């Protein structure tokens, strides 16, 4: 193992576990493989629906993925990172703004 004592100590202090997988073999890490599949599906749907190049879909895909519920963490990635739900102008009552 090439992990340093610092990282092992940090993981222990945070109460988390460091799981290593083989480089360049995402199939050894099911969660990463599932994430990649989800992003591919979102990109494919965006390109087919809007008829644009995949790179122009990236901002929408990023927003969609980061604000979708993930059962593995029990919340959206945005909520996990920022500790609150994402505020968007969609569905906002203009009288309250």
PDB file of N, CA and C in Angstrom:
ATOM      1  N   UNK A   1       0.841  -1.183   0.000  1.00  0.00           N
ATOM      2  CA  UNK A   1       0.000   0.000   0.000  1.00  0.00           C
ATOM      3  C   UNK A   1       0.879   1.236   0.000  1.00  0.00           C
ATOM      4  N   UNK A   2       0.473   2.196  -0.776  1.00  0.00           N
ATOM      5  CA  UNK A   2       1.236   3.421  -0.895  1.00  0.00           C
ATOM      6  C   UNK A   2       0.586   4.593  -0.161  1.00  0.00           C
ATOM      7  N   UNK A   3      -0.361   4.311   0.703  1.00  0.00           N
ATOM      8  CA  UNK A   3      -0.995   5.398   1.450  1.00  0.00           C
ATOM      9  C   UNK A   3      -0.108   5.808   2.605  1.00  0.00           C
ATOM     10  N   UNK A   4      -0.038   7.081   2.840  1.00  0.00           N
ATOM     11  CA  UNK A   4       0.832   7.573   3.907  1.00  0.00           C
ATOM     12  C   UNK A   4       0.137   7.485   5.255  1.00  0.00           C
ATOM     13  N   UNK A   5       0.925   7.594   6.283  1.00  0.00           N
ATOM     14  CA  UNK A   5       0.376   7.579   7.643  1.00  0.00           C
ATOM     15  C   UNK A   5      -0.560   8.759   7.865  1.00  0.00           C
ATOM     16  N   UNK A   6      -0.235   9.892   7.233  1.00  0.00           N
ATOM     17  CA  UNK A   6      -1.093  11.069   7.376  1.00  0.00           C
ATOM     18  C   UNK A   6      -2.516  10.767   6.934  1.00  0.00           C
ATOM     19  N   UNK A   7      -2.658  10.179   5.733  1.00  0.00           N
ATOM     20  CA  UNK A   7      -3.996   9.906   5.208  1.00  0.00           C
ATOM     21  C   UNK A   7      -4.706   8.860   6.049  1.00  0.00           C
ATOM     22  N   UNK A   8      -3.980   7.875   6.509  1.00  0.00           N
ATOM     23  CA  UNK A   8      -4.590   6.864   7.372  1.00  0.00           C
ATOM     24  C   UNK A   8      -5.058   7.493   8.679  1.00  0.00           C
ATOM     25  N   UNK A   9      -4.253   8.392   9.245  1.00  0.00           N
ATOM     26  CA  UNK A   9      -4.635   9.085  10.481  1.00  0.00           C
ATOM     27  C   UNK A   9      -5.841   9.984  10.254  1.00  0.00           C
ATOM     28  N   UNK A  10      -5.852  10.675   9.132  1.00  0.00           N
ATOM     29  CA  UNK A  10      -6.976  11.549   8.810  1.00  0.00           C
ATOM     30  C   UNK A  10      -8.270  10.751   8.673  1.00  0.00           C
ATOM     31  N   UNK A  11      -8.201   9.631   7.960  1.00  0.00           N
ATOM     32  CA  UNK A  11      -9.384   8.788   7.793  1.00  0.00           C
ATOM     33  C   UNK A  11      -9.895   8.300   9.141  1.00  0.00           C
ATOM     34  N   UNK A  12      -8.979   7.917  10.002  1.00  0.00           N
ATOM     35  CA  UNK A  12      -9.353   7.432  11.328  1.00  0.00           C
ATOM     36  C   UNK A  12      -9.996   8.551  12.149  1.00  0.00           C
ATOM     37  N   UNK A  13      -9.419   9.747  12.090  1.00  0.00           N
ATOM     38  CA  UNK A  13      -9.950  10.890  12.844  1.00  0.00           C
ATOM     39  C   UNK A  13     -11.337  11.293  12.359  1.00  0.00           C
ATOM     40  N   UNK A  14     -11.564  11.169  11.055  1.00  0.00           N
ATOM     41  CA  UNK A  14     -12.863  11.526  10.489  1.00  0.00           C
ATOM     42  C   UNK A  14     -13.890  10.415  10.629  1.00  0.00           C
ATOM     43  N   UNK A  15     -13.435   9.232  11.003  1.00  0.00           N
ATOM     44  CA  UNK A  15     -14.347   8.100  11.120  1.00  0.00           C
ATOM     45  C   UNK A  15     -14.784   7.562   9.777  1.00  0.00           C
ATOM     46  N   UNK A  16     -13.927   7.716   8.775  1.00  0.00           N
ATOM     47  CA  UNK A  16     -14.237   7.216   7.437  1.00  0.00           C
ATOM     48  C   UNK A  16     -13.284   6.091   7.078  1.00  0.00           C
ATOM     49  N   UNK A  17     -13.597   5.407   5.991  1.00  0.00           N
ATOM     50  CA  UNK A  17     -12.748   4.314   5.528  1.00  0.00           C
ATOM     51  C   UNK A  17     -12.248   4.633   4.136  1.00  0.00           C
ATOM     52  N   UNK A  18     -10.989   4.391   3.917  1.00  0.00           N
ATOM     53  CA  UNK A  18     -10.381   4.579   2.616  1.00  0.00           C
ATOM     54  C   UNK A  18     -10.402   3.245   1.889  1.00  0.00           C
ATOM     55  N   UNK A  19     -11.066   3.224   0.748  1.00  0.00           N
ATOM     56  CA  UNK A  19     -11.130   1.997  -0.047  1.00  0.00           C
ATOM     57  C   UNK A  19     -10.359   2.212  -1.335  1.00  0.00           C
ATOM     58  N   UNK A  20      -9.380   1.400  -1.551  1.00  0.00           N
ATOM     59  CA  UNK A  20      -8.546   1.505  -2.739  1.00  0.00           C
ATOM     60  C   UNK A  20      -9.031   0.537  -3.804  1.00  0.00           C
ATOM     61  N   UNK A  21      -8.886   0.939  -5.053  1.00  0.00           N
ATOM     62  CA  UNK A  21      -9.217   0.045  -6.160  1.00  0.00           C
ATOM     63  C   UNK A  21      -8.107   0.147  -7.197  1.00  0.00           C
ATOM     64  N   UNK A  22      -8.108  -0.772  -8.132  1.00  0.00           N
ATOM     65  CA  UNK A  22      -7.075  -0.803  -9.163  1.00  0.00           C
ATOM     66  C   UNK A  22      -7.224   0.383 -10.104  1.00  0.00           C
ATOM     67  N   UNK A  23      -6.111   0.985 -10.457  1.00  0.00           N
ATOM     68  CA  UNK A  23      -6.132   2.088 -11.406  1.00  0.00           C
ATOM     69  C   UNK A  23      -6.528   1.575 -12.784  1.00  0.00           C
ATOM     70  N   UNK A  24      -7.276   2.383 -13.507  1.00  0.00           N
ATOM     71  CA  UNK A  24      -7.717   2.082 -14.865  1.00  0.00           C
ATOM     72  C   UNK A  24      -8.617   0.852 -14.956  1.00  0.00           C
ATOM     73  N   UNK A  25      -9.233   0.463 -13.847  1.00  0.00           N
ATOM     74  CA  UNK A  25     -10.182  -0.641 -13.841  1.00  0.00           C
ATOM     75  C   UNK A  25     -11.419  -0.227 -13.050  1.00  0.00           C
ATOM     76  N   UNK A  26     -12.264   0.661 -13.635  1.00  0.00           N
ATOM     77  CA  UNK A  26     -13.418   1.159 -12.882  1.00  0.00           C
ATOM     78  C   UNK A  26     -14.403   0.060 -12.499  1.00  0.00           C
ATOM     79  N   UNK A  27     -14.351  -1.083 -13.188  1.00  0.00           N
ATOM     80  CA  UNK A  27     -15.270  -2.168 -12.847  1.00  0.00           C
ATOM     81  C   UNK A  27     -14.985  -2.732 -11.456  1.00  0.00           C
ATOM     82  N   UNK A  28     -13.806  -2.445 -10.903  1.00  0.00           N
ATOM     83  CA  UNK A  28     -13.506  -2.910  -9.548  1.00  0.00           C
ATOM     84  C   UNK A  28     -14.170  -2.030  -8.503  1.00  0.00           C
ATOM     85  N   UNK A  29     -14.653  -0.873  -8.916  1.00  0.00           N
ATOM     86  CA  UNK A  29     -15.337   0.048  -8.017  1.00  0.00           C
ATOM     87  C   UNK A  29     -16.740   0.277  -8.567  1.00  0.00           C
ATOM     88  N   UNK A  30     -17.697  -0.474  -8.066  1.00  0.00           N
ATOM     89  CA  UNK A  30     -19.065  -0.435  -8.573  1.00  0.00           C
ATOM     90  C   UNK A  30     -19.707   0.934  -8.515  1.00  0.00           C
ATOM     91  N   UNK A  31     -19.422   1.701  -7.469  1.00  0.00           N
ATOM     92  CA  UNK A  31     -20.037   3.017  -7.334  1.00  0.00           C
ATOM     93  C   UNK A  31     -19.536   3.962  -8.433  1.00  0.00           C
ATOM     94  N   UNK A  32     -18.260   3.918  -8.734  1.00  0.00           N
ATOM     95  CA  UNK A  32     -17.721   4.755  -9.812  1.00  0.00           C
ATOM     96  C   UNK A  32     -18.301   4.330 -11.153  1.00  0.00           C
ATOM     97  N   UNK A  33     -18.388   3.039 -11.362  1.00  0.00           N
ATOM     98  CA  UNK A  33     -18.940   2.523 -12.613  1.00  0.00           C
ATOM     99  C   UNK A  33     -20.388   2.973 -12.788  1.00  0.00           C
ATOM    100  N   UNK A  34     -21.164   2.959 -11.721  1.00  0.00           N
ATOM    101  CA  UNK A  34     -22.562   3.380 -11.774  1.00  0.00           C
ATOM    102  C   UNK A  34     -22.662   4.874 -12.067  1.00  0.00           C
ATOM    103  N   UNK A  35     -21.785   5.662 -11.487  1.00  0.00           N
ATOM    104  CA  UNK A  35     -21.772   7.104 -11.740  1.00  0.00           C
ATOM    105  C   UNK A  35     -21.476   7.385 -13.204  1.00  0.00           C
ATOM    106  N   UNK A  36     -20.480   6.706 -13.744  1.00  0.00           N
ATOM    107  CA  UNK A  36     -20.125   6.878 -15.153  1.00  0.00           C
ATOM    108  C   UNK A  36     -21.301   6.501 -16.044  1.00  0.00           C
ATOM    109  N   UNK A  37     -21.977   5.406 -15.732  1.00  0.00           N
ATOM    110  CA  UNK A  37     -23.130   4.976 -16.523  1.00  0.00           C
ATOM    111  C   UNK A  37     -24.242   6.023 -16.470  1.00  0.00           C
ATOM    112  N   UNK A  38     -24.503   6.571 -15.291  1.00  0.00           N
ATOM    113  CA  UNK A  38     -25.541   7.604 -15.154  1.00  0.00           C
ATOM    114  C   UNK A  38     -25.206   8.837 -15.986  1.00  0.00           C
ATOM    115  N   UNK A  39     -23.956   9.273 -15.932  1.00  0.00           N
ATOM    116  CA  UNK A  39     -23.550  10.448 -16.702  1.00  0.00           C
ATOM    117  C   UNK A  39     -23.635  10.190 -18.204  1.00  0.00           C
ATOM    118  N   UNK A  40     -23.254   8.995 -18.642  1.00  0.00           N
ATOM    119  CA  UNK A  40     -23.375   8.637 -20.058  1.00  0.00           C
ATOM    120  C   UNK A  40     -24.834   8.662 -20.496  1.00  0.00           C
ATOM    121  N   UNK A  41     -25.730   8.113 -19.667  1.00  0.00           N
ATOM    122  CA  UNK A  41     -27.159   8.103 -19.995  1.00  0.00           C
ATOM    123  C   UNK A  41     -27.716   9.518 -20.105  1.00  0.00           C
ATOM    124  N   UNK A  42     -27.335  10.388 -19.158  1.00  0.00           N
ATOM    125  CA  UNK A  42     -27.798  11.776 -19.199  1.00  0.00           C
ATOM    126  C   UNK A  42     -27.274  12.501 -20.436  1.00  0.00           C
ATOM    127  N   UNK A  43     -26.000  12.307 -20.755  1.00  0.00           N
ATOM    128  CA  UNK A  43     -25.426  12.939 -21.947  1.00  0.00           C
ATOM    129  C   UNK A  43     -26.102  12.451 -23.224  1.00  0.00           C
ATOM    130  N   UNK A  44     -26.314  11.155 -23.314  1.00  0.00           N
ATOM    131  CA  UNK A  44     -26.954  10.580 -24.494  1.00  0.00           C
ATOM    132  C   UNK A  44     -28.356  11.156 -24.684  1.00  0.00           C
ATOM    133  N   UNK A  45     -29.127  11.211 -23.604  1.00  0.00           N
ATOM    134  CA  UNK A  45     -30.490  11.734 -23.681  1.00  0.00           C
ATOM    135  C   UNK A  45     -30.490  13.205 -24.090  1.00  0.00           C
ATOM    136  N   UNK A  46     -29.580  13.976 -23.551  1.00  0.00           N
ATOM    137  CA  UNK A  46     -29.496  15.403 -23.872  1.00  0.00           C
ATOM    138  C   UNK A  46     -29.145  15.612 -25.343  1.00  0.00           C
ATOM    139  N   UNK A  47     -28.164  14.888 -25.826  1.00  0.00           N
ATOM    140  CA  UNK A  47     -27.731  15.023 -27.216  1.00  0.00           C
ATOM    141  C   UNK A  47     -28.846  14.600 -28.170  1.00  0.00           C
ATOM    142  N   UNK A  48     -29.504  13.489 -27.891  1.00  0.00           N
ATOM    143  CA  UNK A  48     -30.572  13.015 -28.770  1.00  0.00           C
ATOM    144  C   UNK A  48     -31.789  13.929 -28.730  1.00  0.00           C
ATOM    145  N   UNK A  49     -32.123  14.431 -27.560  1.00  0.00           N
ATOM    146  CA  UNK A  49     -33.301  15.286 -27.403  1.00  0.00           C
ATOM    147  C   UNK A  49     -33.087  16.668 -28.015  1.00  0.00           C
ATOM    148  N   UNK A  50     -31.933  17.264 -27.767  1.00  0.00           N
ATOM    149  CA  UNK A  50     -31.694  18.637 -28.211  1.00  0.00           C
ATOM    150  C   UNK A  50     -30.927  18.726 -29.529  1.00  0.00           C
ATOM    151  N   UNK A  51     -30.338  17.621 -29.964  1.00  0.00           N
ATOM    152  CA  UNK A  51     -29.614  17.607 -31.230  1.00  0.00           C
ATOM    153  C   UNK A  51     -28.395  18.519 -31.259  1.00  0.00           C
ATOM    154  N   UNK A  52     -27.704  18.597 -30.134  1.00  0.00           N
ATOM    155  CA  UNK A  52     -26.512  19.448 -30.034  1.00  0.00           C
ATOM    156  C   UNK A  52     -25.309  18.586 -29.681  1.00  0.00           C
ATOM    157  N   UNK A  53     -24.122  19.181 -29.693  1.00  0.00           N
ATOM    158  CA  UNK A  53     -22.929  18.418 -29.331  1.00  0.00           C
ATOM    159  C   UNK A  53     -22.916  18.161 -27.826  1.00  0.00           C
ATOM    160  N   UNK A  54     -22.270  17.082 -27.423  1.00  0.00           N
ATOM    161  CA  UNK A  54     -22.304  16.656 -26.025  1.00  0.00           C
ATOM    162  C   UNK A  54     -21.704  17.682 -25.083  1.00  0.00           C
ATOM    163  N   UNK A  55     -20.677  18.403 -25.532  1.00  0.00           N
ATOM    164  CA  UNK A  55     -20.031  19.355 -24.629  1.00  0.00           C
ATOM    165  C   UNK A  55     -20.927  20.535 -24.267  1.00  0.00           C
ATOM    166  N   UNK A  56     -21.877  20.870 -25.132  1.00  0.00           N
ATOM    167  CA  UNK A  56     -22.800  21.958 -24.800  1.00  0.00           C
ATOM    168  C   UNK A  56     -23.835  21.519 -23.765  1.00  0.00           C
ATOM    169  N   UNK A  57     -23.951  20.210 -23.549  1.00  0.00           N
ATOM    170  CA  UNK A  57     -24.889  19.678 -22.552  1.00  0.00           C
ATOM    171  C   UNK A  57     -24.286  19.585 -21.154  1.00  0.00           C
ATOM    172  N   UNK A  58     -22.979  19.743 -21.033  1.00  0.00           N
ATOM    173  CA  UNK A  58     -22.311  19.507 -19.747  1.00  0.00           C
ATOM    174  C   UNK A  58     -22.845  20.346 -18.585  1.00  0.00           C
ATOM    175  N   UNK A  59     -23.102  21.654 -18.749  1.00  0.00           N
ATOM    176  CA  UNK A  59     -23.638  22.407 -17.603  1.00  0.00           C
ATOM    177  C   UNK A  59     -24.982  21.860 -17.114  1.00  0.00           C
ATOM    178  N   UNK A  60     -25.860  21.506 -18.039  1.00  0.00           N
ATOM    179  CA  UNK A  60     -27.158  20.944 -17.663  1.00  0.00           C
ATOM    180  C   UNK A  60     -26.995  19.580 -17.002  1.00  0.00           C
ATOM    181  N   UNK A  61     -26.114  18.757 -17.532  1.00  0.00           N
ATOM    182  CA  UNK A  61     -25.868  17.429 -16.969  1.00  0.00           C
ATOM    183  C   UNK A  61     -25.289  17.558 -15.563  1.00  0.00           C
ATOM    184  N   UNK A  62     -24.342  18.465 -15.380  1.00  0.00           N
ATOM    185  CA  UNK A  62     -23.747  18.682 -14.058  1.00  0.00           C
ATOM    186  C   UNK A  62     -24.814  19.095 -13.047  1.00  0.00           C
ATOM    187  N   UNK A  63     -25.661  20.052 -13.434  1.00  0.00           N
ATOM    188  CA  UNK A  63     -26.721  20.509 -12.539  1.00  0.00           C
ATOM    189  C   UNK A  63     -27.684  19.371 -12.212  1.00  0.00           C
ATOM    190  N   UNK A  64     -28.098  18.634 -13.235  1.00  0.00           N
ATOM    191  CA  UNK A  64     -29.042  17.531 -13.049  1.00  0.00           C
ATOM    192  C   UNK A  64     -28.476  16.469 -12.130  1.00  0.00           C
ATOM    193  N   UNK A  65     -27.254  16.054 -12.376  1.00  0.00           N
ATOM    194  CA  UNK A  65     -26.640  15.004 -11.559  1.00  0.00           C
ATOM    195  C   UNK A  65     -26.454  15.458 -10.113  1.00  0.00           C
ATOM    196  N   UNK A  66     -25.945  16.659  -9.920  1.00  0.00           N
ATOM    197  CA  UNK A  66     -25.660  17.152  -8.574  1.00  0.00           C
ATOM    198  C   UNK A  66     -26.908  17.451  -7.756  1.00  0.00           C
ATOM    199  N   UNK A  67     -28.063  17.541  -8.412  1.00  0.00           N
ATOM    200  CA  UNK A  67     -29.306  17.819  -7.703  1.00  0.00           C
ATOM    201  C   UNK A  67     -30.289  16.661  -7.776  1.00  0.00           C
ATOM    202  N   UNK A  68     -29.790  15.471  -8.100  1.00  0.00           N
ATOM    203  CA  UNK A  68     -30.597  14.251  -8.102  1.00  0.00           C
ATOM    204  C   UNK A  68     -30.328  13.484  -6.815  1.00  0.00           C
ATOM    205  N   UNK A  69     -31.385  12.899  -6.251  1.00  0.00           N
ATOM    206  CA  UNK A  69     -31.249  12.136  -5.008  1.00  0.00           C
ATOM    207  C   UNK A  69     -30.396  10.896  -5.247  1.00  0.00           C
ATOM    208  N   UNK A  70     -29.447  10.648  -4.349  1.00  0.00           N
ATOM    209  CA  UNK A  70     -28.586   9.469  -4.410  1.00  0.00           C
ATOM    210  C   UNK A  70     -28.829   8.643  -3.155  1.00  0.00           C
ATOM    211  N   UNK A  71     -29.345   7.444  -3.337  1.00  0.00           N
ATOM    212  CA  UNK A  71     -29.666   6.603  -2.180  1.00  0.00           C
ATOM    213  C   UNK A  71     -28.421   6.211  -1.392  1.00  0.00           C
ATOM    214  N   UNK A  72     -27.265   6.170  -2.042  1.00  0.00           N
ATOM    215  CA  UNK A  72     -26.034   5.776  -1.343  1.00  0.00           C
ATOM    216  C   UNK A  72     -25.638   6.775  -0.257  1.00  0.00           C
ATOM    217  N   UNK A  73     -26.011   8.038  -0.426  1.00  0.00           N
ATOM    218  CA  UNK A  73     -25.692   9.053   0.584  1.00  0.00           C
ATOM    219  C   UNK A  73     -26.943   9.628   1.243  1.00  0.00           C
ATOM    220  N   UNK A  74     -28.108   9.243   0.750  1.00  0.00           N
ATOM    221  CA  UNK A  74     -29.366   9.682   1.355  1.00  0.00           C
ATOM    222  C   UNK A  74     -29.728  11.128   1.081  1.00  0.00           C
ATOM    223  N   UNK A  75     -29.122  11.725   0.075  1.00  0.00           N
ATOM    224  CA  UNK A  75     -29.392  13.121  -0.285  1.00  0.00           C
ATOM    225  C   UNK A  75     -28.785  13.391  -1.656  1.00  0.00           C
ATOM    226  N   UNK A  76     -28.884  14.621  -2.116  1.00  0.00           N
ATOM    227  CA  UNK A  76     -28.243  14.983  -3.380  1.00  0.00           C
ATOM    228  C   UNK A  76     -26.773  15.306  -3.124  1.00  0.00           C
ATOM    229  N   UNK A  77     -25.908  15.176  -4.127  1.00  0.00           N
ATOM    230  CA  UNK A  77     -24.513  15.571  -3.944  1.00  0.00           C
ATOM    231  C   UNK A  77     -24.374  17.043  -3.541  1.00  0.00           C
ATOM    232  N   UNK A  78     -25.242  17.899  -4.070  1.00  0.00           N
ATOM    233  CA  UNK A  78     -25.204  19.314  -3.695  1.00  0.00           C
ATOM    234  C   UNK A  78     -25.452  19.478  -2.199  1.00  0.00           C
ATOM    235  N   UNK A  79     -26.472  18.786  -1.676  1.00  0.00           N
ATOM    236  CA  UNK A  79     -26.775  18.863  -0.244  1.00  0.00           C
ATOM    237  C   UNK A  79     -25.625  18.313   0.594  1.00  0.00           C
ATOM    238  N   UNK A  80     -25.004  17.240   0.122  1.00  0.00           N
ATOM    239  CA  UNK A  80     -23.883  16.648   0.860  1.00  0.00           C
ATOM    240  C   UNK A  80     -22.701  17.613   0.934  1.00  0.00           C
ATOM    241  N   UNK A  81     -22.472  18.357  -0.141  1.00  0.00           N
ATOM    242  CA  UNK A  81     -21.337  19.272  -0.191  1.00  0.00           C
ATOM    243  C   UNK A  81     -21.597  20.576   0.556  1.00  0.00           C
ATOM    244  N   UNK A  82     -22.799  21.150   0.365  1.00  0.00           N
ATOM    245  CA  UNK A  82     -23.080  22.479   0.910  1.00  0.00           C
ATOM    246  C   UNK A  82     -23.985  22.484   2.142  1.00  0.00           C
ATOM    247  N   UNK A  83     -24.587  21.354   2.473  1.00  0.00           N
ATOM    248  CA  UNK A  83     -25.427  21.276   3.663  1.00  0.00           C
ATOM    249  C   UNK A  83     -26.781  21.938   3.522  1.00  0.00           C
ATOM    250  N   UNK A  84     -27.208  22.198   2.303  1.00  0.00           N
ATOM    251  CA  UNK A  84     -28.516  22.805   2.048  1.00  0.00           C
ATOM    252  C   UNK A  84     -28.971  22.407   0.653  1.00  0.00           C
ATOM    253  N   UNK A  85     -30.250  22.611   0.376  1.00  0.00           N
ATOM    254  CA  UNK A  85     -30.748  22.322  -0.962  1.00  0.00           C
ATOM    255  C   UNK A  85     -30.336  23.446  -1.906  1.00  0.00           C
ATOM    256  N   UNK A  86     -30.289  23.127  -3.164  1.00  0.00           N
ATOM    257  CA  UNK A  86     -29.898  24.088  -4.188  1.00  0.00           C
ATOM    258  C   UNK A  86     -31.044  25.068  -4.437  1.00  0.00           C
ATOM    259  N   UNK A  87     -30.726  26.342  -4.458  1.00  0.00           N
ATOM    260  CA  UNK A  87     -31.725  27.364  -4.768  1.00  0.00           C
ATOM    261  C   UNK A  87     -31.670  27.662  -6.256  1.00  0.00           C
ATOM    262  N   UNK A  88     -32.832  27.595  -6.905  1.00  0.00           N
ATOM    263  CA  UNK A  88     -32.911  27.894  -8.328  1.00  0.00           C
ATOM    264  C   UNK A  88     -34.064  28.859  -8.562  1.00  0.00           C
ATOM    265  N   UNK A  89     -34.037  29.593  -9.669  1.00  0.00           N
ATOM    266  CA  UNK A  89     -35.158  30.488  -9.963  1.00  0.00           C
ATOM    267  C   UNK A  89     -36.414  29.732 -10.397  1.00  0.00           C
ATOM    268  N   UNK A  90     -36.269  28.472 -10.756  1.00  0.00           N
ATOM    269  CA  UNK A  90     -37.415  27.671 -11.179  1.00  0.00           C
ATOM    270  C   UNK A  90     -38.277  27.376  -9.964  1.00  0.00           C
ATOM    271  N   UNK A  91     -39.539  27.684 -10.065  1.00  0.00           N
ATOM    272  CA  UNK A  91     -40.469  27.413  -8.976  1.00  0.00           C
ATOM    273  C   UNK A  91     -40.430  28.458  -7.877  1.00  0.00           C
ATOM    274  N   UNK A  92     -39.671  29.534  -8.068  1.00  0.00           N
ATOM    275  CA  UNK A  92     -39.606  30.596  -7.075  1.00  0.00           C
ATOM    276  C   UNK A  92     -40.788  31.531  -7.267  1.00  0.00           C
ATOM    277  N   UNK A  93     -41.428  31.889  -6.180  1.00  0.00           N
ATOM    278  CA  UNK A  93     -42.539  32.823  -6.228  1.00  0.00           C
ATOM    279  C   UNK A  93     -41.966  34.234  -6.325  1.00  0.00           C
ATOM    280  N   UNK A  94     -42.198  34.950  -7.460  1.00  0.00           N
ATOM    281  CA  UNK A  94     -41.597  36.272  -7.635  1.00  0.00           C
ATOM    282  C   UNK A  94     -42.048  37.283  -6.578  1.00  0.00           C
ATOM    283  N   UNK A  95     -43.216  37.081  -5.986  1.00  0.00           N
ATOM    284  CA  UNK A  95     -43.707  38.004  -4.967  1.00  0.00           C
ATOM    285  C   UNK A  95     -42.900  37.897  -3.678  1.00  0.00           C
ATOM    286  N   UNK A  96     -42.260  36.756  -3.444  1.00  0.00           N
ATOM    287  CA  UNK A  96     -41.485  36.545  -2.225  1.00  0.00           C
ATOM    288  C   UNK A  96     -40.011  36.865  -2.400  1.00  0.00           C
ATOM    289  N   UNK A  97     -39.605  37.122  -3.620  1.00  0.00           N
ATOM    290  CA  UNK A  97     -38.191  37.389  -3.896  1.00  0.00           C
ATOM    291  C   UNK A  97     -37.866  38.838  -3.640  1.00  0.00           C
TER     292      UNK A  97
END
